[in-house]
Protein backbone atom coordinates (compact mmCIF):
# COMPACT_ATOMS: atom_id res chain seq x y z
CA MET A 1 18.02 -5.11 -12.19
CA ARG A 2 16.28 -8.20 -13.49
CA PHE A 3 13.94 -8.34 -16.46
CA SER A 4 11.28 -11.00 -16.88
CA ARG A 5 12.03 -13.40 -19.74
CA LEU A 6 9.27 -11.96 -21.89
CA ALA A 7 10.42 -8.40 -21.29
CA LEU A 8 13.95 -9.26 -22.32
CA THR A 9 12.69 -10.98 -25.46
CA GLY A 10 10.55 -7.98 -26.34
CA ILE A 11 13.35 -5.52 -25.72
CA GLY A 12 15.67 -7.62 -27.87
CA MET A 13 13.19 -7.56 -30.74
CA ALA A 14 12.71 -3.82 -30.37
CA ALA A 15 16.45 -3.30 -30.34
CA GLY A 16 16.71 -5.25 -33.57
CA ALA A 17 14.11 -2.98 -35.13
CA ALA A 18 16.28 -0.01 -34.18
CA VAL A 19 19.95 0.22 -35.04
CA ALA A 20 21.49 -1.61 -32.06
CA PHE A 21 22.42 -1.24 -28.43
CA THR A 22 25.79 0.33 -27.78
CA GLY A 23 28.25 -0.11 -24.95
CA SER A 24 26.96 2.48 -22.49
CA GLY A 25 25.39 5.88 -22.13
CA GLU A 26 23.66 7.55 -25.06
CA ALA A 27 23.69 5.87 -28.43
CA SER A 28 22.93 6.72 -32.01
CA ALA A 29 20.17 4.11 -31.73
CA ALA A 30 16.87 5.13 -30.19
CA LEU A 31 16.96 2.48 -27.46
CA LEU A 32 19.37 3.01 -24.57
CA LEU A 33 20.82 0.64 -22.01
CA PRO A 34 19.24 0.43 -18.55
CA SER A 35 22.38 2.10 -17.17
CA SER A 36 21.18 5.33 -18.78
CA TYR A 37 18.29 5.45 -16.31
CA PRO A 38 19.47 3.59 -13.19
CA HIS A 39 16.99 2.97 -10.41
CA THR A 40 16.79 1.83 -6.80
CA GLN A 41 13.61 0.81 -5.04
CA SER A 42 12.46 -0.15 -1.54
CA LEU A 43 9.27 -1.18 0.26
CA THR A 44 9.05 -0.60 4.01
CA ASN A 45 5.88 -0.93 6.09
CA GLY A 46 3.77 -0.44 2.98
CA THR A 47 5.62 2.67 1.74
CA LEU A 48 7.21 2.20 -1.68
CA THR A 49 10.05 4.48 -2.79
CA VAL A 50 11.66 4.52 -6.25
CA ASN A 51 14.67 6.63 -7.19
CA VAL A 52 15.37 7.07 -10.92
CA GLY A 53 18.59 8.59 -12.22
CA ASN A 54 19.38 10.22 -15.56
CA GLU A 55 22.86 9.47 -16.86
CA THR A 56 22.28 11.07 -20.28
CA SER A 57 23.36 14.54 -21.44
CA LYS A 58 19.79 15.85 -21.77
CA THR A 59 16.82 16.28 -19.44
CA ALA A 60 14.77 13.08 -19.34
CA THR A 61 11.00 12.69 -19.20
CA CYS A 62 9.87 9.69 -17.16
CA TRP A 63 6.76 7.63 -16.50
CA LEU A 64 6.41 5.43 -13.42
CA SER A 65 3.53 3.22 -12.27
CA ILE A 66 3.05 0.56 -9.59
CA HIS A 67 1.24 -2.69 -10.33
CA ASP A 68 0.26 -5.89 -8.56
CA ALA A 69 3.23 -8.27 -8.49
CA SER A 70 1.25 -10.88 -10.44
CA LYS A 71 1.15 -8.50 -13.43
CA GLU A 72 4.91 -8.60 -14.05
CA THR A 73 4.69 -10.88 -17.10
CA GLN A 74 1.86 -8.84 -18.60
CA LEU A 75 3.88 -5.67 -18.04
CA GLY A 76 6.82 -7.28 -19.83
CA LEU A 77 4.72 -7.54 -22.98
CA ARG A 78 3.64 -3.92 -22.68
CA VAL A 79 7.25 -2.85 -22.18
CA ALA A 80 8.21 -4.63 -25.40
CA ALA A 81 5.46 -2.78 -27.26
CA VAL A 82 6.58 0.60 -25.91
CA ASN A 83 10.23 -0.09 -26.73
CA ALA A 84 9.37 -1.08 -30.29
CA ILE A 85 7.82 2.37 -30.76
CA ILE A 86 10.61 4.22 -28.93
CA ALA A 87 12.98 2.52 -31.38
CA SER A 88 11.48 4.63 -34.15
CA GLY A 89 12.74 7.71 -32.32
CA ILE A 90 9.50 9.62 -32.85
CA GLU A 91 7.07 10.92 -30.24
CA SER A 92 3.55 10.15 -31.45
CA THR A 93 0.01 9.40 -30.39
CA VAL A 94 0.86 5.74 -31.00
CA LEU A 95 3.55 5.98 -28.32
CA ASP A 96 1.16 7.86 -26.02
CA ASN A 97 -1.40 5.08 -26.44
CA ALA A 98 1.21 2.41 -25.69
CA ARG A 99 2.17 4.29 -22.53
CA ALA A 100 -1.48 4.44 -21.50
CA ASP A 101 -1.79 0.69 -22.08
CA ALA A 102 1.29 0.09 -19.93
CA ALA A 103 -0.21 2.10 -17.06
CA ALA A 104 -3.67 0.50 -17.37
CA GLY A 105 -4.77 -1.24 -14.18
CA ALA A 106 -1.98 0.33 -12.13
CA LEU A 107 -2.42 0.46 -8.37
CA ARG A 108 -0.74 3.85 -8.52
CA ILE A 109 0.54 6.11 -11.31
CA VAL A 110 3.46 7.87 -9.64
CA TRP A 111 4.75 9.89 -12.62
CA SER A 112 3.26 10.82 -15.96
CA GLY A 113 5.88 12.95 -17.72
CA GLN A 114 8.20 13.72 -14.78
CA SER A 115 11.30 15.76 -15.71
CA VAL A 116 14.66 14.49 -14.44
CA ALA A 117 17.65 16.75 -15.08
CA LYS A 118 20.81 15.35 -16.66
CA ASP A 119 23.24 13.73 -14.23
CA SER A 120 20.54 13.96 -11.57
CA SER A 121 17.74 11.83 -10.13
CA ALA A 122 14.16 12.06 -8.89
CA THR A 123 12.33 10.11 -6.20
CA GLY A 124 8.75 8.87 -6.35
CA THR A 125 6.90 7.65 -3.24
CA TRP A 126 3.65 5.80 -2.68
CA VAL A 127 2.21 5.23 0.82
CA SER A 128 0.12 2.18 -0.10
CA ASN A 129 -1.42 1.32 3.29
CA ARG A 130 -1.46 -2.26 1.97
CA SER A 131 -0.03 -5.47 3.41
CA ASP A 132 1.48 -6.61 0.05
CA THR A 133 5.19 -7.44 0.26
CA SER A 134 6.02 -7.06 -3.45
CA TYR A 135 4.96 -5.04 -6.50
CA ALA A 136 5.82 -4.81 -10.19
CA ILE A 137 7.09 -1.42 -11.39
CA TYR A 138 6.83 0.05 -14.89
CA GLN A 139 9.47 2.69 -15.65
CA GLU A 140 10.01 4.54 -18.91
CA CYS A 141 12.30 7.47 -19.65
CA THR A 142 13.10 9.29 -22.89
CA THR A 143 15.56 12.04 -23.77
CA PRO A 144 16.03 14.14 -26.92
CA ASP A 145 18.68 12.85 -29.28
CA PRO A 146 21.93 14.65 -28.32
CA ILE A 147 22.90 15.37 -31.93
CA THR A 148 19.75 16.53 -33.69
CA GLY A 149 17.31 16.97 -30.81
CA LEU A 150 14.56 16.06 -33.27
CA THR A 151 14.18 12.43 -32.23
CA ILE A 152 14.12 10.67 -28.87
CA ASN A 153 16.20 8.02 -27.22
CA GLY A 154 14.91 6.05 -24.26
CA LEU A 155 13.91 2.79 -22.65
CA ALA A 156 10.93 1.22 -20.92
CA GLN A 157 11.56 -1.50 -18.36
CA VAL A 158 9.78 -3.54 -15.71
CA TYR A 159 11.20 -4.71 -12.40
CA LYS A 160 10.05 -5.89 -8.99
CA VAL A 161 10.34 -4.47 -5.50
CA THR A 162 10.15 -6.68 -2.41
CA GLY A 163 9.93 -5.61 1.21
CA THR A 164 7.42 -5.33 4.04
CA GLY A 165 3.76 -4.37 3.92
CA LYS A 166 1.79 -2.29 6.39
CA PRO A 167 1.12 -4.24 9.64
CA ALA A 168 -2.51 -5.12 10.43
CA ASP A 169 -4.42 -2.92 12.90
CA ASN A 170 -4.78 -4.46 16.41
CA GLY A 171 -6.37 -1.61 18.33
CA GLY A 172 -8.03 -2.08 21.74
CA GLY A 173 -11.50 -0.92 20.71
CA ASP A 174 -13.24 -4.32 20.69
CA ASN A 175 -11.70 -5.52 23.94
CA GLY A 176 -12.07 -2.38 25.97
CA GLY A 177 -13.44 -2.24 29.47
CA GLY A 178 -16.91 -1.09 28.42
CA ASP A 179 -18.49 -4.56 28.10
CA ASN A 180 -17.00 -5.87 31.35
CA GLY A 181 -17.49 -2.82 33.45
CA GLY A 182 -18.84 -2.85 36.99
CA GLY A 183 -22.36 -1.78 35.99
CA ASP A 184 -23.83 -5.29 35.58
CA ASN A 185 -22.21 -6.67 38.74
CA GLY A 186 -22.60 -3.67 40.90
CA GLY A 187 -23.91 -3.72 44.39
CA GLY A 188 -27.48 -2.74 43.42
CA ASP A 189 -28.88 -6.28 43.04
CA ASN A 190 -27.21 -7.62 46.18
CA GLY A 191 -27.67 -4.62 48.30
CA GLY A 192 -29.19 -4.64 51.72
CA GLY A 193 -32.68 -3.74 50.49
CA ASP A 194 -33.94 -7.31 49.93
CA ASN A 195 -32.36 -8.75 53.07
CA GLY A 196 -32.88 -5.83 55.27
CA GLY A 197 -34.42 -5.99 58.67
CA GLY A 198 -37.92 -5.14 57.46
CA ASP A 199 -39.13 -8.72 56.86
CA ASN A 200 -37.48 -10.19 59.97
CA GLY A 201 -37.92 -7.27 62.18
CA GLY A 202 -39.51 -7.32 65.56
CA GLY A 203 -43.00 -6.63 64.24
CA ASP A 204 -43.93 -10.24 63.40
CA ASN A 205 -42.10 -11.80 66.33
CA GLY A 206 -42.59 -9.03 68.72
CA GLY A 207 -44.10 -9.26 72.14
CA GLY A 208 -47.64 -8.48 70.99
CA ASP A 209 -48.64 -12.09 70.26
CA SER A 210 -46.38 -13.84 72.79
CA GLY A 211 -46.14 -11.16 75.40
CA ASN A 212 -46.97 -11.28 79.17
CA GLY A 213 -50.37 -9.72 78.72
CA SER A 214 -52.12 -13.05 77.84
CA LEU A 215 -50.53 -14.98 80.73
CA GLY A 216 -51.50 -12.27 83.12
CA ASN A 217 -55.13 -12.67 82.20
CA LEU A 218 -54.89 -16.46 82.72
CA PHE A 219 -53.62 -16.17 86.29
CA GLY A 220 -55.83 -13.27 86.99
CA SER A 221 -58.95 -15.38 86.38
CA SER A 222 -58.14 -17.91 89.07
């Protein structure tokens, strides 16, 4: 998993405001390592799938949203703001507002308070129907403190997914046979009606005008 530079800076500042990061798993500090909430992601033919695990000893609550890839840096700043509040260990309207800010402008909000059991995982899917080949993902998970249960531990993070978008539609509707059908070039215009025998029939060139009747009268008068 790779963080943007700004996200890492923000997370580092938030960690300093809390106690500290520890080696792995749950900590006495409010901020946890990314390994507490591992993720895998894929993008195939426009369908985005994210799997988020929970390696803590308590049920996690997670938020997941999909953003335009160009928003990754902006999301990094929002992640830093959320982590600074998580570091206090207290759920509050301030944290709710920071979460709402992080999700603002999302192409898709996949989870908003999704439960993920301990030592388990959950999968979120978005069929985007878009041709984009990459997206930025905001993920946040929190779990109750394992000792007191009165405060929360957790982590917000941003990462990218890259893959393939939905192929463009190339249906046959515009090039179908309808426009080039046989109707316009059918036999109606070149049929036998115009060149039939009516105009050149025997009526005009028949024997009436050039027949033997006139010659008979000529010889008959001599």
